[in-house]
């Protein structure tokens, strides 16, 4: 059955990061849900953390839509698979900010899906100048539709009045104004927001944010701005399941996995089981592929080091030639040792000749095109993302990937392969078309 008439979308964006679009997206999701709208959330780009908040606010499973790593047909396919009849998508960074080559922005995603943009503007340090800012964003790219503005962090009724007057002069609808409030703040750490599951008061926070937004934003007007998302028009390249039974590490130390990967594997008939290294659990012994995703092992290094049953099970899996793959934090755990923020070394699984440190931090960030040189995915090409502060003190053995950045600059090789075990700092997002 065609879903083109039942799945509709609206993208929440901002002129720059830090404008408050995450909190407002959560508030809008819950407030619209409370009014009876069947709605789901999605995140533009490679962010692992924000979708978890969207899921709590909407009651539907999370979704990433990455306009740099995914082709338009792939984006439309994922959108049309989603449970919600309306899809509220949170943009990343500023509206026109993407990869180093200038592509993959939230604006690109809105145009790929042919949906409008709701612009969140942090107005706390401006008044009439807001008209020039919004006019510039509205007119910067022909074909991109900004349907209206939410004024965020306004200071007073008088301040709001000046902002509304300025935007009325350029014919820009204002859907609401939200006052500055300490109640609309989420805690952060080195990779972004503290994860939703780690905040005890998150449900109360979302409910309060929704109540605030319901008082000061025209939800009826926003509800009318969602536009249908077309179905894909051709073939879609997806990553096939690497084994019939896939075991995935899943707990507070291993949380970074893209929902579409799990959905792809399940739709292809793969059996997926979860295990918790922090609970000293090993993977299912019947698994042909064991996946340690990224997360925060640097915050739980002592517990992982003490998880002897988990580490023994991983060595047993290697000896029976099960394919073991680690991404970013999972890659660190496959190594010999991990140095935490204080400089204390903790023994990891010892399956790769790798030593990493979170004490000697350096930011590594950006989109990558990678080609697998060896291991389970040898010869395949992927769009990937790298984002970590830890560094490799020792990385010895056969390389897993060759990589280039979004500008096509050769970055050399990444990761390690040893028998059936492999990993790297790269988060694989999607398979490149034609591979």
Protein backbone atom coordinates (compact mmCIF):
# COMPACT_ATOMS: atom_id res chain seq x y z
CA UNK A 1 0.00 0.00 0.00
CA UNK A 2 1.36 3.42 -0.93
CA UNK A 3 2.20 5.60 2.05
CA UNK A 4 2.88 8.78 0.10
CA UNK A 5 -0.43 10.27 1.26
CA UNK A 6 -0.02 9.27 4.90
CA UNK A 7 3.62 10.08 5.77
CA UNK A 8 4.30 13.80 5.97
CA UNK A 9 7.27 15.76 7.21
CA UNK A 10 8.49 19.04 8.64
CA UNK A 11 12.11 19.91 9.45
CA UNK A 12 13.13 21.97 12.50
CA UNK A 13 16.33 23.91 11.82
CA UNK A 14 18.22 26.93 13.11
CA UNK A 15 20.75 29.49 11.89
CA UNK A 16 23.44 27.92 14.10
CA UNK A 17 24.16 25.25 16.68
CA UNK A 18 23.10 26.02 20.23
CA UNK A 19 19.87 27.74 19.24
CA UNK A 20 17.74 25.31 21.26
CA UNK A 21 16.26 23.24 18.44
CA UNK A 22 16.72 19.90 20.26
CA UNK A 23 14.66 20.91 23.28
CA UNK A 24 12.03 22.59 21.11
CA UNK A 25 11.82 19.51 18.89
CA UNK A 26 11.21 17.33 21.96
CA UNK A 27 8.62 19.76 23.27
CA UNK A 28 6.82 19.90 19.92
CA UNK A 29 6.85 16.11 19.56
CA UNK A 30 5.24 15.61 22.96
CA UNK A 31 2.85 18.56 22.67
CA UNK A 32 1.59 17.45 19.24
CA UNK A 33 1.31 13.86 20.45
CA UNK A 34 -0.70 15.02 23.47
CA UNK A 35 -3.10 16.74 21.05
CA UNK A 36 -3.73 13.42 19.32
CA UNK A 37 -1.38 13.74 16.34
CA UNK A 38 0.34 10.48 15.34
CA UNK A 39 3.91 11.76 15.20
CA UNK A 40 7.48 10.46 15.17
CA UNK A 41 10.86 12.13 15.46
CA UNK A 42 13.96 11.88 13.28
CA UNK A 43 17.45 13.37 13.37
CA UNK A 44 19.25 14.78 10.37
CA UNK A 45 22.85 13.62 10.18
CA UNK A 46 24.96 11.08 12.08
CA UNK A 47 24.02 11.98 15.68
CA UNK A 48 23.40 8.92 17.89
CA UNK A 49 22.11 10.71 20.99
CA UNK A 50 19.26 13.01 19.98
CA UNK A 51 17.13 10.20 18.43
CA UNK A 52 16.88 8.57 21.86
CA UNK A 53 15.20 11.71 23.18
CA UNK A 54 12.88 11.80 20.16
CA UNK A 55 11.77 8.24 20.88
CA UNK A 56 10.86 9.11 24.48
CA UNK A 57 8.99 12.24 23.44
CA UNK A 58 7.00 10.64 20.63
CA UNK A 59 6.64 7.02 21.73
CA UNK A 60 7.96 5.81 18.37
CA UNK A 61 11.28 4.22 17.44
CA UNK A 62 14.18 6.58 16.60
CA UNK A 63 15.43 7.37 13.10
CA UNK A 64 18.49 8.95 11.48
CA UNK A 65 18.23 10.56 8.06
CA UNK A 66 21.69 11.51 6.81
CA UNK A 67 21.68 13.59 3.59
CA UNK A 68 25.45 13.23 3.12
CA UNK A 69 25.73 9.48 3.69
CA UNK A 70 22.40 8.41 2.19
CA UNK A 71 21.00 8.78 -1.32
CA UNK A 72 17.59 10.54 -1.76
CA UNK A 73 15.81 7.23 -2.43
CA UNK A 74 17.27 5.79 0.77
CA UNK A 75 16.10 8.83 2.74
CA UNK A 76 12.58 8.57 1.34
CA UNK A 77 12.49 4.82 1.96
CA UNK A 78 13.43 5.24 5.63
CA UNK A 79 10.93 8.06 6.09
CA UNK A 80 8.13 6.00 4.54
CA UNK A 81 8.94 2.95 6.67
CA UNK A 82 8.50 4.93 9.84
CA UNK A 83 5.57 4.34 12.17
CA UNK A 84 4.42 7.94 12.57
CA UNK A 85 2.02 9.46 10.08
CA UNK A 86 3.83 12.75 10.68
CA UNK A 87 7.62 12.99 10.89
CA UNK A 88 9.21 15.93 12.74
CA UNK A 89 12.88 16.02 11.78
CA UNK A 90 15.49 17.85 13.83
CA UNK A 91 18.25 19.39 11.75
CA UNK A 92 21.91 19.48 12.71
CA UNK A 93 24.18 22.52 13.19
CA UNK A 94 23.01 25.52 11.13
CA UNK A 95 20.47 25.07 8.34
CA UNK A 96 23.06 25.19 5.55
CA UNK A 97 25.95 23.55 7.46
CA UNK A 98 26.98 20.08 6.30
CA UNK A 99 30.14 18.20 5.47
CA UNK A 100 33.43 19.86 4.53
CA UNK A 101 32.43 19.79 0.86
CA UNK A 102 29.31 21.88 1.59
CA UNK A 103 26.83 19.06 1.03
CA UNK A 104 24.70 17.05 3.44
CA UNK A 105 23.05 19.94 5.27
CA UNK A 106 19.62 20.03 6.86
CA UNK A 107 18.57 22.19 3.92
CA UNK A 108 19.67 19.41 1.57
CA UNK A 109 17.54 16.94 3.52
CA UNK A 110 14.47 19.19 3.38
CA UNK A 111 14.84 19.49 -0.38
CA UNK A 112 15.49 15.76 -0.85
CA UNK A 113 12.21 15.03 0.97
CA UNK A 114 10.46 18.12 -0.45
CA UNK A 115 9.27 19.32 2.94
CA UNK A 116 9.25 22.77 4.59
CA UNK A 117 11.55 24.16 7.26
CA UNK A 118 10.52 25.60 10.61
CA UNK A 119 13.29 27.96 11.70
CA UNK A 120 14.17 28.24 15.40
CA UNK A 121 15.95 31.54 16.07
CA UNK A 122 17.80 32.28 19.31
CA UNK A 123 16.63 35.86 19.75
CA UNK A 124 18.15 36.68 23.12
CA UNK A 125 20.79 39.13 21.79
CA UNK A 126 18.90 40.86 18.99
CA UNK A 127 15.74 42.75 18.17
CA UNK A 128 14.99 44.31 14.76
CA UNK A 129 18.13 42.79 13.24
CA UNK A 130 16.32 39.47 13.27
CA UNK A 131 14.58 40.48 10.05
CA UNK A 132 17.86 40.67 8.16
CA UNK A 133 18.94 37.31 9.55
CA UNK A 134 15.71 35.52 8.71
CA UNK A 135 15.40 37.20 5.29
CA UNK A 136 18.89 35.96 4.46
CA UNK A 137 18.04 32.38 5.41
CA UNK A 138 14.69 32.54 3.60
CA UNK A 139 16.18 33.85 0.35
CA UNK A 140 19.57 32.13 0.38
CA UNK A 141 18.48 29.07 -1.58
CA UNK A 142 15.66 29.18 -4.13
CA UNK A 143 13.36 26.18 -3.82
CA UNK A 144 13.81 25.78 -0.08
CA UNK A 145 10.69 26.77 1.83
CA UNK A 146 10.88 28.27 5.31
CA UNK A 147 7.29 28.16 6.49
CA UNK A 148 7.76 30.17 9.66
CA UNK A 149 9.79 30.96 12.76
CA UNK A 150 9.77 30.11 16.45
CA UNK A 151 11.45 32.82 18.50
CA UNK A 152 13.49 31.18 21.24
CA UNK A 153 14.88 32.64 24.47
CA UNK A 154 13.01 35.92 24.29
CA UNK A 155 13.46 38.20 27.28
CA UNK A 156 10.10 39.92 27.77
CA UNK A 157 6.77 40.75 26.17
CA UNK A 158 8.25 43.99 24.84
CA UNK A 159 11.22 42.13 23.35
CA UNK A 160 8.88 39.66 21.69
CA UNK A 161 6.81 42.51 20.28
CA UNK A 162 9.83 44.08 18.57
CA UNK A 163 10.84 40.74 17.06
CA UNK A 164 7.34 40.07 15.75
CA UNK A 165 7.13 43.56 14.26
CA UNK A 166 10.43 43.12 12.45
CA UNK A 167 9.42 39.76 10.99
CA UNK A 168 5.96 41.00 9.99
CA UNK A 169 7.70 43.60 7.83
CA UNK A 170 9.27 40.85 5.71
CA UNK A 171 6.14 38.69 5.65
CA UNK A 172 7.55 35.89 7.81
CA UNK A 173 5.00 34.02 9.97
CA UNK A 174 5.87 33.67 13.66
CA UNK A 175 4.43 30.49 15.18
CA UNK A 176 5.38 31.37 18.72
CA UNK A 177 7.88 32.81 21.17
CA UNK A 178 9.50 30.91 24.03
CA UNK A 179 10.93 32.81 27.00
CA UNK A 180 14.38 32.15 28.39
CA UNK A 181 14.08 29.46 31.07
CA UNK A 182 16.46 27.27 33.04
CA UNK A 183 13.78 24.58 32.82
CA UNK A 184 14.59 24.17 29.10
CA UNK A 185 18.16 22.94 29.52
CA UNK A 186 19.62 19.44 29.14
CA UNK A 187 22.99 18.31 30.60
CA UNK A 188 25.92 17.77 28.23
CA UNK A 189 29.30 16.01 28.10
CA UNK A 190 32.13 15.44 25.62
CA UNK A 191 30.16 13.78 22.79
CA UNK A 192 27.00 15.87 23.16
CA UNK A 193 23.99 15.59 25.44
CA UNK A 194 23.97 13.13 28.31
CA UNK A 195 21.97 10.20 26.95
CA UNK A 196 18.24 10.16 27.59
CA UNK A 197 18.35 6.86 29.47
CA UNK A 198 20.83 8.28 31.97
CA UNK A 199 18.65 11.22 33.04
CA UNK A 200 16.28 10.14 35.82
CA UNK A 201 14.03 13.16 35.37
CA UNK A 202 13.84 13.04 31.57
CA UNK A 203 10.12 12.23 31.40
CA UNK A 204 9.29 15.12 33.70
CA UNK A 205 11.58 17.39 31.67
CA UNK A 206 9.87 16.53 28.37
CA UNK A 207 6.41 16.95 29.91
CA UNK A 208 7.31 20.38 31.32
CA UNK A 209 8.91 21.50 28.03
CA UNK A 210 5.78 20.40 26.15
CA UNK A 211 3.55 22.29 28.57
CA UNK A 212 5.63 25.46 28.16
CA UNK A 213 5.58 25.24 24.37
CA UNK A 214 1.85 24.48 24.31
CA UNK A 215 1.22 27.83 26.02
CA UNK A 216 3.32 29.97 23.70
CA UNK A 217 3.39 28.25 20.29
CA UNK A 218 0.54 27.91 17.77
CA UNK A 219 0.48 24.11 17.48
CA UNK A 220 -2.50 24.14 15.13
CA UNK A 221 -0.59 26.32 12.65
CA UNK A 222 2.49 24.09 12.84
CA UNK A 223 0.38 20.97 12.35
CA UNK A 224 -0.82 22.35 9.01
CA UNK A 225 2.73 22.77 7.67
CA UNK A 226 3.59 19.06 7.36
CA UNK A 227 3.84 18.02 3.70
CA UNK A 228 3.73 14.49 2.19
CA UNK A 229 7.02 12.67 1.64
CA UNK A 230 7.20 10.82 -1.68
CA UNK A 231 8.08 7.16 -1.86
CA UNK A 232 11.46 6.12 -3.36
CA UNK A 233 11.52 5.99 -7.14
CA UNK A 234 14.21 3.37 -7.72
CA UNK A 235 16.66 0.83 -6.30
CA UNK A 236 18.09 1.33 -2.81
CA UNK A 237 21.55 0.20 -1.70
CA UNK A 238 21.43 -1.22 1.82
CA UNK A 239 23.94 -3.14 3.90
CA UNK A 240 22.92 -6.83 3.96
CA UNK A 241 23.10 -8.74 7.26
CA UNK A 242 26.63 -10.03 7.88
CA UNK A 243 25.32 -13.30 9.41
CA UNK A 244 22.06 -15.09 10.16
CA UNK A 245 22.53 -14.54 13.91
CA UNK A 246 24.02 -11.20 15.01
CA UNK A 247 24.94 -10.55 18.66
CA UNK A 248 25.19 -6.88 19.67
CA UNK A 249 26.67 -5.39 22.84
CA UNK A 250 24.06 -3.09 24.35
CA UNK A 251 24.28 -1.20 27.64
CA UNK A 252 25.43 2.18 28.97
CA UNK A 253 28.92 1.67 27.50
CA UNK A 254 27.71 0.49 24.06
CA UNK A 255 24.84 2.61 22.77
CA UNK A 256 25.82 4.06 19.39
CA UNK A 257 24.11 2.02 16.70
CA UNK A 258 21.98 3.36 13.87
CA UNK A 259 18.36 2.14 14.07
CA UNK A 260 18.15 1.68 10.30
CA UNK A 261 20.96 -0.90 10.44
CA UNK A 262 19.03 -3.08 12.88
CA UNK A 263 15.85 -2.63 10.86
CA UNK A 264 17.62 -3.58 7.62
CA UNK A 265 19.05 -6.72 9.19
CA UNK A 266 15.74 -7.77 10.73
CA UNK A 267 13.84 -7.14 7.49
CA UNK A 268 16.38 -9.37 5.73
CA UNK A 269 15.62 -12.20 8.18
CA UNK A 270 18.58 -11.96 10.55
CA UNK A 271 18.17 -12.95 14.20
CA UNK A 272 19.52 -10.31 16.59
CA UNK A 273 20.43 -10.94 20.23
CA UNK A 274 21.73 -8.41 22.76
CA UNK A 275 24.22 -8.81 25.57
CA UNK A 276 25.66 -6.50 28.22
CA UNK A 277 29.42 -6.44 28.84
CA UNK A 278 28.80 -4.24 31.90
CA UNK A 279 26.66 -7.05 33.34
CA UNK A 280 29.54 -9.44 32.50
CA UNK A 281 27.53 -11.15 29.75
CA UNK A 282 29.06 -12.70 26.66
CA UNK A 283 27.53 -12.91 23.20
CA UNK A 284 25.21 -15.75 22.24
CA UNK A 285 27.51 -18.68 21.32
CA UNK A 286 25.43 -19.30 18.18
CA UNK A 287 26.13 -15.84 16.77
CA UNK A 288 28.09 -15.73 13.54
CA UNK A 289 28.68 -11.97 13.81
CA UNK A 290 29.43 -10.12 17.06
CA UNK A 291 29.14 -6.33 16.99
CA UNK A 292 30.56 -3.99 19.63
CA UNK A 293 29.18 -0.55 18.72
CA UNK A 294 30.45 2.78 19.95
CA UNK A 295 29.46 4.46 23.16
CA UNK A 296 31.25 5.44 26.36
CA UNK A 297 33.68 2.66 27.35
CA UNK A 298 36.04 5.35 28.67
CA UNK A 299 33.46 6.09 31.40
CA UNK A 300 33.10 2.40 32.31
CA UNK A 301 36.64 1.12 31.73
CA UNK A 302 37.01 -0.35 35.23
CA UNK A 303 33.79 -2.33 34.97
CA UNK A 304 34.71 -3.66 31.53
CA UNK A 305 38.16 -4.66 32.75
CA UNK A 306 36.52 -6.61 35.60
CA UNK A 307 34.01 -8.35 33.28
CA UNK A 308 35.95 -11.62 33.07
CA UNK A 309 33.11 -13.76 31.70
CA UNK A 310 32.55 -11.25 28.91
CA UNK A 311 36.23 -11.15 27.96
CA UNK A 312 36.56 -14.92 28.10
CA UNK A 313 33.50 -15.32 25.88
CA UNK A 314 34.98 -12.88 23.36
CA UNK A 315 38.24 -14.85 23.23
CA UNK A 316 36.27 -18.08 22.81
CA UNK A 317 34.32 -16.50 19.94
CA UNK A 318 37.57 -15.50 18.25
CA UNK A 319 38.92 -19.05 18.59
CA UNK A 320 35.84 -20.49 16.88
CA UNK A 321 36.30 -17.91 14.07
CA UNK A 322 33.10 -15.97 14.73
CA UNK A 323 33.33 -12.60 12.99
CA UNK A 324 33.86 -9.85 15.59
CA UNK A 325 33.57 -6.18 14.64
CA UNK A 326 34.02 -3.06 16.76
CA UNK A 327 33.24 0.58 16.01
CA UNK A 328 34.86 3.48 17.87
CA UNK A 329 34.26 2.63 21.56
CA UNK A 330 33.76 -1.00 20.60
CA UNK A 331 37.08 -0.91 18.76
CA UNK A 332 38.78 0.40 21.90
CA UNK A 333 37.37 -2.52 23.93
CA UNK A 334 38.71 -5.05 21.41
CA UNK A 335 42.21 -3.73 22.10
CA UNK A 336 44.66 -4.62 24.83
CA UNK A 337 44.24 -1.62 27.10
CA UNK A 338 42.26 1.59 27.59
CA UNK A 339 43.58 4.58 29.51
CA UNK A 340 40.77 6.48 31.25
CA UNK A 341 40.54 10.24 31.84
CA UNK A 342 42.77 10.02 34.93
CA UNK A 343 45.48 8.12 33.03
CA UNK A 344 44.79 4.76 34.67
CA UNK A 345 45.16 1.81 32.28
CA UNK A 346 42.47 -0.89 32.19
CA UNK A 347 42.90 -4.26 30.47
CA UNK A 348 40.44 -4.81 27.61
CA UNK A 349 39.71 -7.93 25.52
CA UNK A 350 43.17 -8.16 23.96
CA UNK A 351 41.90 -9.34 20.57
CA UNK A 352 43.69 -6.57 18.62
CA UNK A 353 47.12 -5.01 19.14
CA UNK A 354 45.66 -1.70 20.20
CA UNK A 355 46.16 0.66 23.12
CA UNK A 356 43.92 3.73 23.44
CA UNK A 357 43.80 6.71 25.76
CA UNK A 358 41.06 9.09 26.83
CA UNK A 359 43.53 11.00 29.00
CA UNK A 360 45.47 12.33 25.98
CA UNK A 361 42.52 13.77 24.14
CA UNK A 362 42.35 15.06 20.58
CA UNK A 363 39.17 15.76 18.62
CA UNK A 364 38.66 13.67 15.48
CA UNK A 365 35.53 14.71 13.58
CA UNK A 366 34.15 14.44 10.08
CA UNK A 367 32.49 12.42 7.37
CA UNK A 368 34.55 9.74 5.68
CA UNK A 369 34.38 7.60 2.55
CA UNK A 370 35.90 4.25 3.43
CA UNK A 371 36.78 1.08 1.56
CA UNK A 372 37.29 -2.18 3.45
CA UNK A 373 40.72 -3.62 2.63
CA UNK A 374 40.23 -6.89 4.51
CA UNK A 375 37.88 -8.63 6.93
CA UNK A 376 34.19 -9.45 6.62
CA UNK A 377 33.42 -6.39 4.44
CA UNK A 378 36.50 -6.55 2.17
CA UNK A 379 35.98 -4.63 -1.05
CA UNK A 380 32.82 -2.84 0.10
CA UNK A 381 32.57 0.94 0.25
CA UNK A 382 30.74 2.88 2.94
CA UNK A 383 29.81 6.36 3.97
CA UNK A 384 31.02 6.78 7.54
CA UNK A 385 31.47 9.30 10.31
CA UNK A 386 34.32 9.78 12.77
CA UNK A 387 33.77 11.54 16.12
CA UNK A 388 35.94 10.80 19.14
CA UNK A 389 38.38 12.38 21.58
CA UNK A 390 40.42 9.29 22.48
CA UNK A 391 43.67 8.52 20.66
CA UNK A 392 45.44 5.33 19.69
CA UNK A 393 48.77 4.99 21.52
CA UNK A 394 49.53 1.71 19.73
CA UNK A 395 47.84 0.37 16.59
CA UNK A 396 49.78 -2.53 15.11
CA UNK A 397 48.72 -4.99 12.43
CA UNK A 398 46.88 -5.16 9.12
CA UNK A 399 44.74 -2.10 8.34
CA UNK A 400 40.96 -2.46 7.95
CA UNK A 401 39.99 0.59 5.89
CA UNK A 402 41.40 3.11 3.47
CA UNK A 403 39.65 6.45 3.89
CA UNK A 404 39.19 9.90 2.43
CA UNK A 405 37.35 12.88 3.84
CA UNK A 406 34.33 14.65 2.35
CA UNK A 407 36.62 16.73 0.13
CA UNK A 408 38.23 13.59 -1.28
CA UNK A 409 41.52 14.11 0.57
CA UNK A 410 43.29 10.80 1.21
CA UNK A 411 43.49 10.15 4.96
CA UNK A 412 45.44 6.90 4.72
CA UNK A 413 44.39 3.73 6.50
CA UNK A 414 42.34 3.14 9.64
CA UNK A 415 41.58 0.31 12.01
CA UNK A 416 42.94 -3.20 12.37
CA UNK A 417 42.20 -6.75 11.22
CA UNK A 418 43.41 -9.89 12.93
CA UNK A 419 41.83 -13.09 11.65
CA UNK A 420 38.08 -12.84 12.13
CA UNK A 421 38.40 -9.76 14.40
CA UNK A 422 38.37 -6.22 13.06
CA UNK A 423 37.42 -2.69 14.02
CA UNK A 424 38.12 1.01 13.62
CA UNK A 425 37.08 4.40 14.91
CA UNK A 426 34.69 4.79 11.94
CA UNK A 427 30.93 4.59 12.38
CA UNK A 428 29.56 3.01 9.20
CA UNK A 429 26.32 4.76 8.18
CA UNK A 430 25.35 3.31 4.83
CA UNK A 431 26.70 1.40 1.87
CA UNK A 432 27.61 3.50 -1.12
CA UNK A 433 25.45 3.03 -4.22
CA UNK A 434 26.87 0.78 -6.87
CA UNK A 435 29.09 -1.22 -4.49
